[in-house]
Amino acid sequence: MAMARGSSGLAYPDRFYAAATYAGFGSSSNAVTSKFSNDVALLLYALYQQATVGPCNVPKPRGWSPVEQSKWTRFVYLSY
């Protein structure tokens, strides 16, 4: 079933940024963790980073927190 696209809807890239704002990116809040499970939040984070930053070229530093390591891991694996 095809969906009709309204002429008053947002066009890209505004649609992307509206979705990212809904997911909690680009704000100082932790909205991502409250709206989504941890796995989904990490995937959304990695996709957002891929779209806004590009491939992950940062080497894995030692001493990161488990949360930061999980973010880095997802971002790196989506970069391949």
C-alpha atoms as a PDB file:
ATOM      1  CA  MET A   1       0.000   0.000   0.000  1.00  0.00           C
ATOM      2  CA  ALA A   2       1.517   3.301  -1.071  1.00  0.00           C
ATOM      3  CA  MET A   3       1.346   6.358   1.121  1.00  0.00           C
ATOM      4  CA  ALA A   4       0.402   9.703  -0.353  1.00  0.00           C
ATOM      5  CA  ARG A   5       2.825  12.510   0.332  1.00  0.00           C
ATOM      6  CA  GLY A   6       1.204  15.745   1.357  1.00  0.00           C
ATOM      7  CA  SER A   7       2.438  18.909  -0.263  1.00  0.00           C
ATOM      8  CA  SER A   8       2.533  20.680   3.097  1.00  0.00           C
ATOM      9  CA  GLY A   9       4.913  18.111   4.661  1.00  0.00           C
ATOM     10  CA  LEU A  10       8.561  18.723   5.371  1.00  0.00           C
ATOM     11  CA  ALA A  11      11.104  18.051   2.668  1.00  0.00           C
ATOM     12  CA  TYR A  12      14.575  16.615   3.176  1.00  0.00           C
ATOM     13  CA  PRO A  13      16.711  17.659   5.094  1.00  0.00           C
ATOM     14  CA  ASP A  14      14.101  19.292   7.342  1.00  0.00           C
ATOM     15  CA  ARG A  15      12.300  15.961   7.676  1.00  0.00           C
ATOM     16  CA  PHE A  16      15.524  14.282   8.822  1.00  0.00           C
ATOM     17  CA  TYR A  17      16.182  16.944  11.458  1.00  0.00           C
ATOM     18  CA  ALA A  18      12.575  16.809  12.676  1.00  0.00           C
ATOM     19  CA  ALA A  19      12.884  13.043  13.148  1.00  0.00           C
ATOM     20  CA  ALA A  20      16.254  13.461  14.882  1.00  0.00           C
ATOM     21  CA  THR A  21      14.756  16.035  17.239  1.00  0.00           C
ATOM     22  CA  TYR A  22      11.883  13.684  18.046  1.00  0.00           C
ATOM     23  CA  ALA A  23      14.397  10.938  18.807  1.00  0.00           C
ATOM     24  CA  GLY A  24      16.242  13.307  21.141  1.00  0.00           C
ATOM     25  CA  PHE A  25      19.328  14.158  19.102  1.00  0.00           C
ATOM     26  CA  GLY A  26      20.512  17.714  18.861  1.00  0.00           C
ATOM     27  CA  SER A  27      19.158  18.566  22.299  1.00  0.00           C
ATOM     28  CA  SER A  28      20.699  18.495  25.741  1.00  0.00           C
ATOM     29  CA  SER A  29      18.104  16.071  27.113  1.00  0.00           C
ATOM     30  CA  ASN A  30      18.313  12.279  27.415  1.00  0.00           C
ATOM     31  CA  ALA A  31      15.081  11.800  25.489  1.00  0.00           C
ATOM     32  CA  VAL A  32      16.479   8.919  23.447  1.00  0.00           C
ATOM     33  CA  THR A  33      16.790   6.611  26.419  1.00  0.00           C
ATOM     34  CA  SER A  34      13.310   7.412  27.672  1.00  0.00           C
ATOM     35  CA  LYS A  35      11.559   6.891  24.300  1.00  0.00           C
ATOM     36  CA  PHE A  36      13.451   3.835  23.046  1.00  0.00           C
ATOM     37  CA  SER A  37      15.052   0.662  24.361  1.00  0.00           C
ATOM     38  CA  ASN A  38      18.833   0.728  24.756  1.00  0.00           C
ATOM     39  CA  ASP A  39      19.437  -1.295  21.583  1.00  0.00           C
ATOM     40  CA  VAL A  40      17.193   0.918  19.481  1.00  0.00           C
ATOM     41  CA  ALA A  41      18.670   4.085  20.993  1.00  0.00           C
ATOM     42  CA  LEU A  42      22.198   2.917  20.145  1.00  0.00           C
ATOM     43  CA  LEU A  43      21.189   2.086  16.597  1.00  0.00           C
ATOM     44  CA  LEU A  44      19.488   5.466  16.148  1.00  0.00           C
ATOM     45  CA  TYR A  45      22.545   7.197  17.592  1.00  0.00           C
ATOM     46  CA  ALA A  46      24.835   5.372  15.158  1.00  0.00           C
ATOM     47  CA  LEU A  47      22.595   6.168  12.183  1.00  0.00           C
ATOM     48  CA  TYR A  48      22.408   9.826  13.222  1.00  0.00           C
ATOM     49  CA  GLN A  49      26.200  10.002  13.538  1.00  0.00           C
ATOM     50  CA  GLN A  50      26.598   8.303  10.164  1.00  0.00           C
ATOM     51  CA  ALA A  51      24.260  10.822   8.526  1.00  0.00           C
ATOM     52  CA  THR A  52      25.680  13.931  10.171  1.00  0.00           C
ATOM     53  CA  VAL A  53      29.368  13.094  10.655  1.00  0.00           C
ATOM     54  CA  GLY A  54      30.099  10.335   8.155  1.00  0.00           C
ATOM     55  CA  PRO A  55      32.136   7.184   8.719  1.00  0.00           C
ATOM     56  CA  CYS A  56      33.751   6.749  12.106  1.00  0.00           C
ATOM     57  CA  ASN A  57      37.488   7.333  11.793  1.00  0.00           C
ATOM     58  CA  VAL A  58      38.148   7.747  15.511  1.00  0.00           C
ATOM     59  CA  PRO A  59      40.345   5.066  17.075  1.00  0.00           C
ATOM     60  CA  LYS A  60      38.929   3.365  20.137  1.00  0.00           C
ATOM     61  CA  PRO A  61      40.469   5.034  23.177  1.00  0.00           C
ATOM     62  CA  ARG A  62      40.905   3.186  26.439  1.00  0.00           C
ATOM     63  CA  GLY A  63      39.096   4.146  29.601  1.00  0.00           C
ATOM     64  CA  TRP A  64      35.715   5.070  28.143  1.00  0.00           C
ATOM     65  CA  SER A  65      32.559   4.357  30.042  1.00  0.00           C
ATOM     66  CA  PRO A  66      30.511   1.327  28.901  1.00  0.00           C
ATOM     67  CA  VAL A  67      27.890   3.638  27.396  1.00  0.00           C
ATOM     68  CA  GLU A  68      30.442   5.539  25.317  1.00  0.00           C
ATOM     69  CA  GLN A  69      32.052   2.258  24.227  1.00  0.00           C
ATOM     70  CA  SER A  70      28.656   0.961  23.057  1.00  0.00           C
ATOM     71  CA  LYS A  71      28.020   4.161  21.079  1.00  0.00           C
ATOM     72  CA  TRP A  72      31.440   3.965  19.452  1.00  0.00           C
ATOM     73  CA  THR A  73      31.028   0.273  18.619  1.00  0.00           C
ATOM     74  CA  ARG A  74      27.670   0.814  16.893  1.00  0.00           C
ATOM     75  CA  PHE A  75      28.998   3.815  14.977  1.00  0.00           C
ATOM     76  CA  VAL A  76      32.070   1.905  13.786  1.00  0.00           C
ATOM     77  CA  TYR A  77      30.124  -1.154  12.642  1.00  0.00           C
ATOM     78  CA  LEU A  78      27.741   0.997  10.601  1.00  0.00           C
ATOM     79  CA  SER A  79      30.728   2.659   8.947  1.00  0.00           C
ATOM     80  CA  TYR A  80      31.764  -0.558   7.183  1.00  0.00           C
END
